[in-house]
Amino acid sequence: MSESSLHHPWLTLAGPEAGDLLTLTPQRAGWAYCGLRVIRLEPGELRRFATGEEEFFVLPLAGGLTLEVGPIAQPTTTEARFALTGRASTFDRVSDFAYVGRDSNVTMVSAHGAEVALPSAVCERRLAPKYGPAEDVPIELRGAGPATRQINAFGVPGAWDHADKLIGVELITPPGNWSSYPPHKHDASAPCPVVNEEIYFYKIAGHDQVSHSREGFGYHRTYTAPEHEIAGLAALDEFIEVRDGDLVTVPYGYHGPCVAAPGYPMYYLNVMAGPAADRSMAFCDDPAHGWVRDSWSAMEPDPRCPVTTHEGRRDGRRAEPMRA
């Protein structure tokens, strides 16, 4: 596999502060809207940041935390305080989360330590902070047979409408299964109705099926077709090995499949945003492979899905909870 400009292995986007495990701004990505930060909070450590022109989700990947939010225009005012229970890992349970709007000051602290994802999008309207309970996150199954995967639709239109531009969704793919399949696109090429930038942030579980580990791996595909050349978009042809903590940007083009290696569950956090006035996840399948969807009607879903709920794993594997 050749070197990819879309692939950012774990810790290659670290900094600028200690504990900043990943910092992808729109400027660093070379586009206009989407961003993602992953921060490690040491026990008792206070972290403060200003949202500026971006809105954020605060999503625990491991551990729990509390946060306070206030408007930048009134620095001594606290609008909201949330305690996020979180989880031991992304393969442990569906997590609660919070939304914080642009032009806000945010303070985070974790009593026992945490790893926190901060998906973001440049936006126009400032919305009030809001808490998202884990039990309210819709869990969906997509696909069938070896293409079955779990969707945690925590921040998608229809399930979570309290955002201006930002869309966030989690996927869990059991070992050996395929997701983001058939390959699809949402870009400026015909006949797409919506343009979205997209981030794939991967977590891979080790042999215990729960703990994050770089021993396992999976694969990610992104490519273009003749309609992209017609739209003036440069050719892409990427086949990327991904491990725990790796990030892949999708500025345009068909993306998928994402394949979990046998033995190793795959999680990814999708972050999306674009120029449309209304948030939308509309997409177009690659016409060469779209027929596969119809074949699923004759197949049963993989019984391993859903892997998790807000109460924990369905297979009985339990990880020690981390308290905020």
Protein backbone atom coordinates (compact mmCIF):
# COMPACT_ATOMS: atom_id res chain seq x y z
CA MET A 1 0.00 0.00 0.00
CA SER A 2 1.31 3.44 -0.92
CA GLU A 3 1.56 6.34 1.49
CA SER A 4 -1.74 8.21 1.79
CA SER A 5 -2.32 11.92 2.35
CA LEU A 6 -5.73 11.04 3.81
CA HIS A 7 -4.39 8.68 6.48
CA HIS A 8 -3.16 10.06 9.81
CA PRO A 9 -1.80 7.28 12.06
CA TRP A 10 -2.21 7.55 15.83
CA LEU A 11 -0.28 10.43 17.44
CA THR A 12 0.85 11.95 14.12
CA LEU A 13 -1.66 14.77 14.78
CA ALA A 14 -0.81 15.15 18.49
CA GLY A 15 -0.44 18.53 20.23
CA PRO A 16 -0.07 21.39 20.67
CA GLU A 17 -0.73 20.90 24.42
CA ALA A 18 0.15 17.92 26.58
CA GLY A 19 -2.76 15.50 26.50
CA ASP A 20 -3.79 16.54 22.97
CA LEU A 21 -3.66 13.11 21.37
CA LEU A 22 -5.21 14.26 18.09
CA THR A 23 -5.90 17.75 16.74
CA LEU A 24 -7.45 18.00 13.29
CA THR A 25 -8.75 21.48 12.52
CA PRO A 26 -10.52 22.36 9.25
CA GLN A 27 -7.43 24.33 8.26
CA ARG A 28 -5.16 21.35 8.89
CA ALA A 29 -7.51 19.08 6.94
CA GLY A 30 -7.57 21.50 3.99
CA TRP A 31 -11.32 22.01 3.99
CA ALA A 32 -13.96 24.31 5.52
CA TYR A 33 -16.10 22.65 8.21
CA CYS A 34 -15.15 19.38 9.99
CA GLY A 35 -12.72 18.95 12.85
CA LEU A 36 -11.87 16.44 15.56
CA ARG A 37 -9.82 16.59 18.74
CA VAL A 38 -9.07 13.71 21.10
CA ILE A 39 -7.90 14.73 24.57
CA ARG A 40 -6.54 12.66 27.43
CA LEU A 41 -7.59 14.00 30.82
CA GLU A 42 -5.35 12.90 33.67
CA PRO A 43 -7.11 12.30 37.02
CA GLY A 44 -8.14 15.65 38.50
CA GLU A 45 -6.72 17.66 35.59
CA LEU A 46 -8.68 20.75 34.49
CA ARG A 47 -8.82 21.43 30.75
CA ARG A 48 -10.31 24.60 29.36
CA PHE A 49 -10.95 25.56 25.76
CA ALA A 50 -12.93 28.12 23.81
CA THR A 51 -15.11 26.86 20.97
CA GLY A 52 -14.64 29.95 18.77
CA GLU A 53 -16.64 29.63 15.54
CA GLU A 54 -17.18 25.87 15.99
CA GLU A 55 -19.84 23.77 17.71
CA PHE A 56 -18.77 20.53 19.46
CA PHE A 57 -19.93 17.21 20.78
CA VAL A 58 -18.18 16.05 23.96
CA LEU A 59 -18.07 12.25 23.65
CA PRO A 60 -16.26 10.01 26.14
CA LEU A 61 -14.23 7.24 24.47
CA ALA A 62 -12.94 5.83 27.78
CA GLY A 63 -13.71 7.09 31.27
CA GLY A 64 -16.14 9.77 32.41
CA LEU A 65 -15.95 13.49 33.11
CA THR A 66 -17.82 16.59 34.16
CA LEU A 67 -17.93 19.80 32.15
CA GLU A 68 -19.10 23.35 32.60
CA VAL A 69 -20.13 25.60 29.71
CA GLY A 70 -20.61 29.36 29.53
CA PRO A 71 -20.79 32.09 26.89
CA ILE A 72 -17.54 33.78 25.89
CA ALA A 73 -19.35 37.13 26.09
CA GLN A 74 -19.99 36.51 29.83
CA PRO A 75 -16.88 34.72 31.11
CA THR A 76 -18.12 34.45 34.72
CA THR A 77 -21.46 32.91 33.72
CA THR A 78 -22.10 29.14 33.78
CA GLU A 79 -24.92 28.11 31.45
CA ALA A 80 -24.78 24.39 32.15
CA ARG A 81 -22.93 21.70 34.07
CA PHE A 82 -23.04 18.08 32.89
CA ALA A 83 -21.72 14.85 34.41
CA LEU A 84 -20.94 12.32 31.68
CA THR A 85 -20.84 8.74 32.96
CA GLY A 86 -18.91 7.60 29.87
CA ARG A 87 -17.65 4.03 29.47
CA ALA A 88 -14.58 1.84 29.84
CA SER A 89 -14.05 1.68 26.06
CA THR A 90 -15.99 2.25 22.84
CA PHE A 91 -16.70 -1.50 22.83
CA ASP A 92 -18.08 -1.48 26.39
CA ARG A 93 -21.37 0.42 26.07
CA VAL A 94 -23.17 3.26 24.33
CA SER A 95 -22.14 6.50 26.04
CA ASP A 96 -23.89 9.66 27.08
CA PHE A 97 -22.53 12.89 25.57
CA ALA A 98 -22.96 16.66 25.52
CA TYR A 99 -23.34 19.38 22.90
CA VAL A 100 -21.67 22.79 23.29
CA GLY A 101 -22.26 25.68 20.93
CA ARG A 102 -19.93 28.15 19.27
CA ASP A 103 -18.65 31.19 21.21
CA SER A 104 -18.49 29.17 24.43
CA ASN A 105 -15.97 28.55 27.21
CA VAL A 106 -15.70 24.89 28.25
CA THR A 107 -14.05 23.43 31.35
CA MET A 108 -13.56 19.65 31.64
CA VAL A 109 -12.33 17.52 34.54
CA SER A 110 -12.23 13.77 35.18
CA ALA A 111 -11.79 12.32 38.67
CA HIS A 112 -10.29 9.06 37.41
CA GLY A 113 -8.97 10.04 33.97
CA ALA A 114 -10.62 9.91 30.57
CA GLU A 115 -10.07 9.94 26.83
CA VAL A 116 -12.52 12.32 25.19
CA ALA A 117 -13.44 12.91 21.54
CA LEU A 118 -14.45 16.43 20.53
CA PRO A 119 -16.03 16.32 17.05
CA SER A 120 -16.62 19.82 15.70
CA ALA A 121 -17.99 21.86 12.83
CA VAL A 122 -17.64 25.49 11.82
CA CYS A 123 -21.16 26.90 12.10
CA GLU A 124 -23.18 30.10 12.00
CA ARG A 125 -25.70 29.89 14.87
CA ARG A 126 -24.93 29.65 18.57
CA LEU A 127 -27.10 27.05 20.31
CA ALA A 128 -27.35 26.43 24.04
CA PRO A 129 -25.44 23.52 25.64
CA LYS A 130 -27.42 20.28 25.94
CA TYR A 131 -27.01 16.82 27.48
CA GLY A 132 -27.57 13.59 25.52
CA PRO A 133 -28.48 10.58 27.72
CA ALA A 134 -27.04 7.22 26.64
CA GLU A 135 -30.46 5.55 26.91
CA ASP A 136 -31.85 7.97 24.29
CA VAL A 137 -29.20 7.17 21.65
CA PRO A 138 -30.90 5.20 18.83
CA ILE A 139 -29.18 1.88 18.05
CA GLU A 140 -29.68 0.58 14.51
CA LEU A 141 -28.55 -2.46 12.56
CA ARG A 142 -27.52 -1.99 8.95
CA GLY A 143 -26.73 -4.56 6.32
CA ALA A 144 -27.03 -8.32 6.76
CA GLY A 145 -24.82 -11.38 6.94
CA PRO A 146 -21.13 -10.42 6.80
CA ALA A 147 -22.08 -6.78 6.14
CA THR A 148 -24.00 -6.37 9.43
CA ARG A 149 -22.90 -3.49 11.66
CA GLN A 150 -24.19 -1.51 14.63
CA ILE A 151 -25.01 2.20 14.33
CA ASN A 152 -25.13 4.47 17.41
CA ALA A 153 -26.97 7.45 15.93
CA PHE A 154 -26.19 9.87 18.74
CA GLY A 155 -25.75 13.04 16.68
CA VAL A 156 -27.63 12.55 13.42
CA PRO A 157 -30.50 14.56 11.94
CA GLY A 158 -33.84 13.30 13.17
CA ALA A 159 -32.37 11.72 16.30
CA TRP A 160 -30.45 14.83 17.43
CA ASP A 161 -31.58 18.09 15.85
CA HIS A 162 -29.84 20.39 18.35
CA ALA A 163 -26.93 21.38 16.07
CA ASP A 164 -26.33 23.85 13.27
CA LYS A 165 -23.92 21.93 11.00
CA LEU A 166 -22.41 19.09 13.03
CA ILE A 167 -23.29 15.42 12.48
CA GLY A 168 -21.82 12.57 14.54
CA VAL A 169 -22.40 8.81 14.46
CA GLU A 170 -20.62 5.75 15.88
CA LEU A 171 -20.32 2.36 14.15
CA ILE A 172 -19.23 -1.00 15.54
CA THR A 173 -18.29 -3.71 13.05
CA PRO A 174 -17.85 -7.26 14.42
CA PRO A 175 -14.64 -9.15 13.56
CA GLY A 176 -14.54 -10.18 9.91
CA ASN A 177 -17.49 -8.00 8.84
CA TRP A 178 -17.73 -5.17 6.32
CA SER A 179 -19.28 -1.74 6.91
CA SER A 180 -19.70 1.49 4.91
CA TYR A 181 -20.78 -0.84 2.15
CA PRO A 182 -21.80 -0.51 -0.63
CA PRO A 183 -19.30 2.31 -1.25
CA HIS A 184 -21.05 5.67 -1.26
CA LYS A 185 -20.33 9.39 -1.66
CA HIS A 186 -21.71 12.79 -0.64
CA ASP A 187 -19.72 15.32 -2.64
CA ALA A 188 -19.92 17.84 -5.49
CA SER A 189 -20.06 15.21 -8.26
CA ALA A 190 -23.31 14.19 -9.98
CA PRO A 191 -25.89 13.14 -8.86
CA CYS A 192 -25.23 13.84 -5.15
CA PRO A 193 -27.88 16.05 -3.48
CA VAL A 194 -25.67 16.93 -0.47
CA VAL A 195 -21.99 17.80 0.02
CA ASN A 196 -20.37 16.69 3.27
CA GLU A 197 -16.78 16.53 4.45
CA GLU A 198 -16.22 13.41 6.55
CA ILE A 199 -13.81 12.08 9.17
CA TYR A 200 -13.35 8.41 10.08
CA PHE A 201 -11.71 7.97 13.50
CA TYR A 202 -10.93 4.33 14.27
CA LYS A 203 -10.72 2.31 17.47
CA ILE A 204 -9.82 -1.38 17.33
CA ALA A 205 -10.30 -3.89 20.16
CA GLY A 206 -7.69 -6.48 21.04
CA HIS A 207 -8.21 -10.20 21.56
CA ASP A 208 -10.40 -9.59 24.63
CA GLN A 209 -12.90 -7.84 22.29
CA VAL A 210 -13.26 -4.83 24.64
CA SER A 211 -9.93 -3.08 25.31
CA HIS A 212 -8.52 -0.63 22.77
CA SER A 213 -5.35 -2.09 21.25
CA ARG A 214 -3.09 -1.51 18.26
CA GLU A 215 -2.48 -5.22 17.82
CA GLY A 216 -5.56 -5.53 15.61
CA PHE A 217 -6.27 -3.81 12.31
CA GLY A 218 -8.77 -3.19 9.53
CA TYR A 219 -8.96 -1.61 6.10
CA HIS A 220 -10.45 1.56 4.65
CA ARG A 221 -11.10 2.32 0.97
CA THR A 222 -11.62 5.73 -0.74
CA TYR A 223 -11.65 6.27 -4.51
CA THR A 224 -13.04 8.44 -7.30
CA ALA A 225 -14.82 7.68 -10.58
CA PRO A 226 -15.19 9.49 -13.95
CA GLU A 227 -17.89 11.81 -12.59
CA HIS A 228 -15.37 13.24 -10.12
CA GLU A 229 -13.02 14.21 -12.93
CA ILE A 230 -15.95 15.90 -14.69
CA ALA A 231 -16.61 17.87 -11.49
CA GLY A 232 -12.95 18.99 -11.40
CA LEU A 233 -11.98 16.81 -8.42
CA ALA A 234 -8.51 15.22 -8.38
CA ALA A 235 -8.32 11.44 -8.60
CA LEU A 236 -8.17 9.40 -5.35
CA ASP A 237 -7.37 5.71 -5.09
CA GLU A 238 -6.66 4.79 -1.45
CA PHE A 239 -6.56 1.40 0.27
CA ILE A 240 -5.45 2.00 3.85
CA GLU A 241 -4.60 -0.28 6.75
CA VAL A 242 -6.00 1.29 9.93
CA ARG A 243 -5.22 0.55 13.58
CA ASP A 244 -6.48 1.84 16.90
CA GLY A 245 -6.45 5.65 17.00
CA ASP A 246 -5.90 6.18 13.28
CA LEU A 247 -7.85 8.86 11.41
CA VAL A 248 -8.83 9.03 7.74
CA THR A 249 -10.21 12.16 6.07
CA VAL A 250 -12.71 11.88 3.21
CA PRO A 251 -12.83 15.21 1.35
CA TYR A 252 -14.83 13.62 -1.51
CA GLY A 253 -15.11 10.38 -3.44
CA TYR A 254 -16.64 6.99 -2.79
CA HIS A 255 -15.69 5.59 0.60
CA GLY A 256 -16.11 2.01 1.69
CA PRO A 257 -15.81 -0.71 2.46
CA CYS A 258 -14.37 -0.54 5.96
CA VAL A 259 -13.31 -4.09 6.82
CA ALA A 260 -12.64 -5.48 10.31
CA ALA A 261 -9.95 -8.18 10.34
CA PRO A 262 -11.07 -11.53 11.77
CA GLY A 263 -10.57 -11.55 15.53
CA TYR A 264 -10.63 -7.76 15.95
CA PRO A 265 -13.79 -5.64 16.37
CA MET A 266 -13.70 -2.26 14.63
CA TYR A 267 -15.24 1.00 15.85
CA TYR A 268 -15.25 4.29 14.04
CA LEU A 269 -16.57 7.72 14.81
CA ASN A 270 -17.91 9.54 11.74
CA VAL A 271 -17.89 13.34 11.83
CA MET A 272 -19.66 15.14 9.00
CA ALA A 273 -20.51 18.72 8.05
CA GLY A 274 -20.96 20.74 4.89
CA PRO A 275 -22.26 23.95 3.36
CA ALA A 276 -25.97 23.05 3.15
CA ALA A 277 -28.40 25.10 5.25
CA ASP A 278 -29.96 21.89 6.59
CA ARG A 279 -27.98 18.99 8.09
CA SER A 280 -28.29 15.88 5.94
CA MET A 281 -26.63 12.48 5.61
CA ALA A 282 -27.91 11.92 2.06
CA PHE A 283 -25.55 9.88 -0.12
CA CYS A 284 -25.23 8.11 -3.47
CA ASP A 285 -24.09 4.50 -3.80
CA ASP A 286 -21.46 3.51 -6.32
CA PRO A 287 -23.80 2.25 -9.10
CA ALA A 288 -21.49 -0.69 -9.71
CA HIS A 289 -22.22 -2.07 -6.24
CA GLY A 290 -25.56 -0.60 -5.14
CA TRP A 291 -27.39 -3.80 -6.12
CA VAL A 292 -25.85 -5.48 -3.06
CA ARG A 293 -28.40 -3.75 -0.81
CA ASP A 294 -31.24 -5.71 -2.42
CA SER A 295 -29.47 -9.00 -1.72
CA TRP A 296 -29.68 -8.41 2.04
CA SER A 297 -33.44 -9.04 2.08
CA ALA A 298 -32.72 -12.77 1.76
CA MET A 299 -30.07 -12.78 4.51
CA GLU A 300 -30.29 -12.76 8.29
CA PRO A 301 -28.39 -10.09 10.27
CA ASP A 302 -25.27 -11.18 12.12
CA PRO A 303 -26.49 -12.33 15.58
CA ARG A 304 -23.48 -10.61 17.20
CA CYS A 305 -25.19 -7.27 16.52
CA PRO A 306 -25.97 -5.12 18.30
CA VAL A 307 -22.73 -5.55 20.22
CA THR A 308 -23.57 -2.98 22.90
CA THR A 309 -26.43 -1.01 24.42
CA HIS A 310 -26.47 1.77 27.00
CA GLU A 311 -26.53 -1.01 29.63
CA GLY A 312 -23.38 -2.73 28.37
CA ARG A 313 -22.35 -5.57 26.10
CA ARG A 314 -24.91 -8.17 25.06
CA ASP A 315 -22.38 -11.03 25.25
CA GLY A 316 -21.87 -10.52 28.98
CA ARG A 317 -18.29 -9.26 28.77
CA ARG A 318 -17.96 -6.43 31.27
CA ALA A 319 -15.36 -3.80 31.79
CA GLU A 320 -14.87 -2.02 35.09
CA PRO A 321 -16.83 1.28 34.93
CA MET A 322 -14.97 4.57 35.26
CA ARG A 323 -16.78 7.23 37.25
CA ALA A 324 -16.84 10.95 36.51
